[in-house]
Amino acid sequence: MNHMIKYTQNLLGKIGTEIQIIDLEMEDVFNKSIKIITMLESYFNELKVFISEYSFKNDTEEIQFFKETKPQILSKLIYYSSIYKFEMNRPTGSDIVQKAFTLKQLDVLKEFFDNNNDFYKYYRARRTDLDNHYFLLGKADVQLYVDCFQFERDPKFSTGFDCKIARILANDMLSIYLNSELTKIDQPAITHFEETNILKAKQTWTDSKVALIELIYAIHTSGSINNGKSDLKRLTLYIERIFNIDLGDVYRTFIEIRGRKGNRVKYLDELRKNLIALMDKADNL
């Protein structure tokens, strides 16, 4: 493993760990986002210093950094900065006012998609034929930097298109966040009577929270409860009570699950493997 890959993997690991710690320590989304932004800015500047002193071994290594590695960090910075702006500017008022404001933010994401549709298609299709133009320093039009994030306008540390990928990834996460806020508005609050009458916990979940959230989303997506009419919020609360566990921000955890490299449903695959092994054992296979 070369020096750059080792350094960036270690950096991504530290970032992931610190975000999880902040998530556990803080509940208020606004203050949480401020703390995460501060942390990410520090690591992003550290990365910039590292790259300024590093010479890419070849075009392949440079493309990999600007197409894959750097956008993973920058997208988190854009995402949490967007949440900070959303929460800071969120108006007080009725559900109608709240919903109109949230829908307007989703329209902004749609506008970015429309304005960058060709590049979206290139990136989503995992094409590589134009990588030499998109992800090598000095190749891109300087006009691209106008659309870049404020931390990302240095042509010695950006190709312009790495910024676009970071925005694509951030917008994917932000879309989930905003839609979850719409769900909260559209669904009536769970009453105290409902909460106190939810089945009391008789068993305790001892696997990871991530595993249980993966399972909850699978059940909900499959429409296995109430003919698919059970909403995610109530299903989550019900399962939390059954298994004596607080799952925290399940929407945020789902974003992390969705962003996994390789196998994104590790727990579900583990369940399948273990059940098949039990059947094989029972059949003496």
Protein backbone atom coordinates (compact mmCIF):
# COMPACT_ATOMS: atom_id res chain seq x y z
CA MET A 1 0.00 0.00 0.00
CA ASN A 2 1.52 3.32 -1.05
CA HIS A 3 1.88 6.34 1.21
CA MET A 4 -1.07 8.33 -0.19
CA ILE A 5 -3.57 5.46 0.04
CA LYS A 6 -2.46 4.63 3.57
CA TYR A 7 -2.75 8.27 4.63
CA THR A 8 -6.16 8.90 3.07
CA GLN A 9 -7.66 5.63 4.37
CA ASN A 10 -6.48 6.51 7.85
CA LEU A 11 -7.94 10.00 7.49
CA LEU A 12 -11.32 8.68 6.33
CA GLY A 13 -11.33 6.25 9.25
CA LYS A 14 -10.72 9.03 11.77
CA ILE A 15 -13.43 11.17 10.20
CA GLY A 16 -15.97 8.34 10.34
CA THR A 17 -15.16 7.59 13.96
CA GLU A 18 -15.38 11.22 15.06
CA ILE A 19 -18.72 11.73 13.32
CA GLN A 20 -20.11 8.66 15.13
CA ILE A 21 -18.85 9.98 18.48
CA ILE A 22 -20.41 13.41 17.89
CA ASP A 23 -23.67 11.73 16.83
CA LEU A 24 -23.76 9.81 20.10
CA GLU A 25 -22.79 12.78 22.28
CA MET A 26 -25.15 15.38 20.82
CA GLU A 27 -28.83 15.35 19.87
CA ASP A 28 -29.42 18.89 18.60
CA VAL A 29 -28.92 18.80 14.82
CA PHE A 30 -27.88 22.45 14.56
CA ASN A 31 -25.10 22.30 17.16
CA LYS A 32 -24.08 18.84 16.01
CA SER A 33 -23.56 20.09 12.46
CA ILE A 34 -21.42 23.01 13.70
CA LYS A 35 -19.13 20.65 15.60
CA ILE A 36 -18.82 18.23 12.68
CA ILE A 37 -18.12 21.07 10.22
CA THR A 38 -15.30 22.36 12.45
CA MET A 39 -13.79 18.89 12.62
CA LEU A 40 -14.10 18.33 8.86
CA GLU A 41 -12.59 21.72 8.01
CA SER A 42 -9.54 20.82 10.08
CA TYR A 43 -9.08 17.45 8.36
CA PHE A 44 -9.77 18.93 4.93
CA ASN A 45 -7.05 21.53 5.42
CA GLU A 46 -4.73 18.79 6.64
CA LEU A 47 -5.43 16.84 3.44
CA LYS A 48 -4.71 19.93 1.35
CA VAL A 49 -1.31 20.36 3.00
CA PHE A 50 -0.51 16.69 2.45
CA ILE A 51 -1.36 16.82 -1.26
CA SER A 52 0.61 20.06 -1.74
CA GLU A 53 3.72 18.18 -0.61
CA TYR A 54 2.92 14.94 -2.45
CA SER A 55 3.76 14.05 -6.06
CA PHE A 56 1.31 11.69 -7.72
CA LYS A 57 3.12 8.63 -9.09
CA ASN A 58 1.05 8.57 -12.29
CA ASP A 59 -2.22 9.72 -13.87
CA THR A 60 -4.10 6.70 -12.50
CA GLU A 61 -3.25 7.61 -8.92
CA GLU A 62 -4.17 11.26 -9.48
CA ILE A 63 -7.50 10.35 -11.08
CA GLN A 64 -8.32 7.95 -8.24
CA PHE A 65 -7.70 10.69 -5.68
CA PHE A 66 -9.80 13.37 -7.36
CA LYS A 67 -12.57 11.04 -8.54
CA GLU A 68 -12.99 8.88 -5.43
CA THR A 69 -10.98 9.76 -2.33
CA LYS A 70 -11.25 13.51 -2.03
CA PRO A 71 -15.01 13.71 -2.84
CA GLN A 72 -15.72 11.36 0.09
CA ILE A 73 -14.37 13.99 2.49
CA LEU A 74 -15.56 17.09 0.67
CA SER A 75 -19.09 15.68 0.29
CA LYS A 76 -19.40 15.35 4.07
CA LEU A 77 -18.30 18.95 4.51
CA ILE A 78 -20.84 20.14 1.93
CA TYR A 79 -23.57 17.95 3.46
CA TYR A 80 -23.18 19.16 7.04
CA SER A 81 -22.75 22.76 5.89
CA SER A 82 -26.02 22.40 3.98
CA ILE A 83 -27.78 21.03 7.06
CA TYR A 84 -26.40 23.94 9.09
CA LYS A 85 -27.77 26.46 6.57
CA PHE A 86 -31.10 24.63 6.38
CA GLU A 87 -31.58 24.57 10.15
CA MET A 88 -30.34 28.14 10.58
CA ASN A 89 -32.78 29.50 7.97
CA ARG A 90 -35.69 27.19 8.78
CA PRO A 91 -38.68 29.45 9.43
CA THR A 92 -40.99 29.20 12.40
CA GLY A 93 -44.66 28.79 11.67
CA SER A 94 -47.22 26.28 10.55
CA ASP A 95 -46.65 22.89 8.97
CA ILE A 96 -47.54 24.48 5.63
CA VAL A 97 -44.73 27.05 5.99
CA GLN A 98 -42.28 24.35 7.10
CA LYS A 99 -43.21 22.10 4.20
CA ALA A 100 -42.93 24.90 1.61
CA PHE A 101 -39.45 25.79 2.87
CA THR A 102 -38.26 22.17 2.77
CA LEU A 103 -39.68 21.59 -0.70
CA LYS A 104 -37.84 24.68 -1.92
CA GLN A 105 -34.56 23.18 -0.71
CA LEU A 106 -35.33 19.99 -2.62
CA ASP A 107 -35.97 22.11 -5.70
CA VAL A 108 -32.43 23.48 -5.38
CA LEU A 109 -31.07 19.92 -5.50
CA LYS A 110 -33.19 19.23 -8.58
CA GLU A 111 -31.85 22.37 -10.25
CA PHE A 112 -28.25 21.21 -9.69
CA PHE A 113 -29.17 17.84 -11.18
CA ASP A 114 -30.76 19.46 -14.23
CA ASN A 115 -27.78 21.76 -14.79
CA ASN A 116 -25.30 18.88 -14.56
CA ASN A 117 -27.31 16.09 -16.10
CA ASP A 118 -24.64 14.96 -18.58
CA PHE A 119 -22.01 14.68 -15.88
CA TYR A 120 -24.48 12.85 -13.59
CA LYS A 121 -24.97 10.28 -16.35
CA TYR A 122 -21.21 9.92 -16.85
CA TYR A 123 -20.56 9.41 -13.14
CA ARG A 124 -23.56 7.16 -12.44
CA ALA A 125 -22.69 4.94 -15.40
CA ARG A 126 -19.18 4.50 -13.94
CA ARG A 127 -17.62 5.62 -17.19
CA THR A 128 -13.88 6.25 -17.34
CA ASP A 129 -13.27 7.37 -20.92
CA LEU A 130 -13.15 11.09 -20.01
CA ASP A 131 -11.38 10.71 -16.66
CA ASN A 132 -8.16 12.19 -18.05
CA HIS A 133 -10.07 15.39 -18.79
CA TYR A 134 -12.21 15.48 -15.67
CA PHE A 135 -9.82 14.40 -12.94
CA LEU A 136 -6.31 15.58 -13.78
CA LEU A 137 -5.11 18.95 -12.52
CA GLY A 138 -4.91 21.74 -15.07
CA LYS A 139 -7.32 20.11 -17.53
CA ALA A 140 -10.62 21.72 -16.52
CA ASP A 141 -12.06 25.07 -17.54
CA VAL A 142 -11.47 27.71 -14.84
CA GLN A 143 -15.19 28.60 -15.01
CA LEU A 144 -15.93 25.34 -13.17
CA TYR A 145 -14.52 26.80 -9.98
CA VAL A 146 -17.33 29.33 -9.82
CA ASP A 147 -19.72 26.55 -8.81
CA CYS A 148 -17.33 24.98 -6.33
CA PHE A 149 -17.65 24.95 -2.57
CA GLN A 150 -15.84 27.80 -0.82
CA PHE A 151 -13.05 25.48 0.35
CA GLU A 152 -12.60 24.10 -3.12
CA ARG A 153 -11.55 26.93 -5.42
CA ASP A 154 -7.81 26.26 -5.49
CA PRO A 155 -6.88 25.00 -8.99
CA LYS A 156 -3.80 23.33 -7.45
CA PHE A 157 -6.07 21.19 -5.29
CA SER A 158 -9.13 20.75 -7.48
CA THR A 159 -10.02 19.77 -11.03
CA GLY A 160 -13.49 21.31 -10.73
CA PHE A 161 -15.16 18.00 -11.45
CA ASP A 162 -14.08 16.48 -8.13
CA CYS A 163 -16.19 19.24 -6.61
CA LYS A 164 -19.15 18.19 -8.75
CA ILE A 165 -18.84 14.59 -7.57
CA ALA A 166 -18.70 15.80 -3.97
CA ARG A 167 -21.89 17.77 -4.56
CA ILE A 168 -23.59 14.75 -6.12
CA LEU A 169 -22.75 12.65 -3.05
CA ALA A 170 -23.72 15.44 -0.65
CA ASN A 171 -27.00 16.05 -2.48
CA ASP A 172 -27.85 12.35 -2.26
CA MET A 173 -27.44 12.52 1.52
CA LEU A 174 -29.22 15.86 1.79
CA SER A 175 -32.17 14.56 -0.22
CA ILE A 176 -32.67 11.78 2.34
CA TYR A 177 -32.42 14.28 5.19
CA LEU A 178 -34.90 16.71 3.64
CA ASN A 179 -37.37 13.97 2.75
CA SER A 180 -37.18 12.67 6.31
CA GLU A 181 -38.07 16.18 7.50
CA LEU A 182 -41.07 16.18 5.16
CA THR A 183 -42.12 12.82 6.61
CA LYS A 184 -42.04 14.29 10.12
CA ILE A 185 -44.25 17.17 8.98
CA ASP A 186 -46.74 14.97 7.14
CA GLN A 187 -47.13 12.40 9.88
CA PRO A 188 -48.90 13.36 13.12
CA ALA A 189 -46.83 13.23 16.28
CA ILE A 190 -47.03 10.05 18.29
CA THR A 191 -49.21 10.76 21.32
CA HIS A 192 -48.22 9.97 24.88
CA PHE A 193 -51.04 7.42 25.00
CA GLU A 194 -49.69 5.64 21.92
CA GLU A 195 -46.16 5.63 23.30
CA THR A 196 -47.08 4.25 26.70
CA ASN A 197 -49.14 1.50 25.11
CA ILE A 198 -46.40 0.27 22.79
CA LEU A 199 -45.28 -3.24 23.72
CA LYS A 200 -42.78 -3.15 26.58
CA ALA A 201 -39.37 -4.60 25.94
CA LYS A 202 -39.03 -8.25 26.82
CA GLN A 203 -35.78 -8.95 25.03
CA THR A 204 -32.62 -6.87 24.54
CA TRP A 205 -30.92 -6.39 21.19
CA THR A 206 -27.24 -7.26 21.63
CA ASP A 207 -25.96 -6.89 18.08
CA SER A 208 -24.97 -3.52 16.59
CA LYS A 209 -27.46 -0.68 16.10
CA VAL A 210 -26.46 -0.51 12.46
CA ALA A 211 -27.46 -4.16 11.99
CA LEU A 212 -30.91 -3.56 13.47
CA ILE A 213 -31.46 -0.43 11.36
CA GLU A 214 -30.47 -2.41 8.28
CA LEU A 215 -33.10 -4.99 9.24
CA ILE A 216 -35.77 -2.33 9.92
CA TYR A 217 -35.28 -0.72 6.54
CA ALA A 218 -35.44 -4.12 4.83
CA ILE A 219 -38.73 -4.96 6.59
CA HIS A 220 -40.20 -1.54 5.85
CA THR A 221 -39.12 -1.54 2.21
CA SER A 222 -40.61 -5.01 1.72
CA GLY A 223 -43.99 -3.84 3.04
CA SER A 224 -44.10 -6.75 5.47
CA ILE A 225 -45.93 -4.86 8.26
CA ASN A 226 -49.58 -3.78 7.97
CA ASN A 227 -49.59 -4.51 4.24
CA GLY A 228 -46.87 -1.91 3.71
CA LYS A 229 -48.86 0.85 5.42
CA SER A 230 -46.73 1.06 8.56
CA ASP A 231 -44.57 4.20 8.49
CA LEU A 232 -40.87 3.98 9.30
CA LYS A 233 -41.02 6.20 12.37
CA ARG A 234 -43.62 4.11 14.20
CA LEU A 235 -42.03 0.84 13.11
CA THR A 236 -38.67 2.02 14.48
CA LEU A 237 -40.19 3.13 17.78
CA TYR A 238 -42.03 -0.18 18.13
CA ILE A 239 -38.86 -2.21 17.54
CA GLU A 240 -36.88 0.04 19.92
CA ARG A 241 -39.40 -0.78 22.65
CA ILE A 242 -39.41 -4.49 21.87
CA PHE A 243 -35.64 -4.79 21.93
CA ASN A 244 -34.91 -2.22 24.66
CA ILE A 245 -32.65 -0.02 22.55
CA ASP A 246 -32.37 3.61 21.42
CA LEU A 247 -31.37 3.65 17.75
CA GLY A 248 -30.79 7.40 17.54
CA ASP A 249 -30.97 9.03 14.12
CA VAL A 250 -31.91 6.09 11.89
CA TYR A 251 -31.98 8.29 8.80
CA ARG A 252 -28.35 9.30 9.31
CA THR A 253 -27.31 5.69 9.90
CA PHE A 254 -29.11 4.64 6.72
CA ILE A 255 -27.04 7.20 4.79
CA GLU A 256 -23.88 5.58 6.17
CA ILE A 257 -25.14 2.09 5.27
CA ARG A 258 -25.95 3.31 1.78
CA GLY A 259 -22.45 4.75 1.44
CA ARG A 260 -20.67 1.49 2.27
CA LYS A 261 -18.12 0.27 -0.21
CA GLY A 262 -18.71 -3.25 -1.49
CA ASN A 263 -21.43 -5.13 0.37
CA ARG A 264 -24.01 -2.65 1.63
CA VAL A 265 -26.29 -5.21 3.34
CA LYS A 266 -23.75 -7.09 5.45
CA TYR A 267 -26.16 -8.01 8.25
CA LEU A 268 -28.88 -9.29 5.93
CA ASP A 269 -26.34 -11.42 4.10
CA GLU A 270 -25.06 -12.73 7.44
CA LEU A 271 -28.63 -13.73 8.43
CA ARG A 272 -29.07 -15.56 5.14
CA LYS A 273 -25.73 -17.35 5.48
CA ASN A 274 -26.41 -18.45 9.06
CA LEU A 275 -29.92 -19.71 8.26
CA ILE A 276 -28.69 -21.72 5.28
CA ALA A 277 -25.89 -23.16 7.45
CA LEU A 278 -28.47 -24.23 10.06
CA MET A 279 -30.60 -25.92 7.39
CA ASP A 280 -27.56 -27.66 5.89
CA LYS A 281 -26.57 -28.90 9.35
CA ALA A 282 -30.10 -30.20 9.97
CA ASP A 283 -29.97 -31.98 6.62
CA ASN A 284 -26.49 -33.38 7.40
CA LEU A 285 -25.00 -31.63 4.36
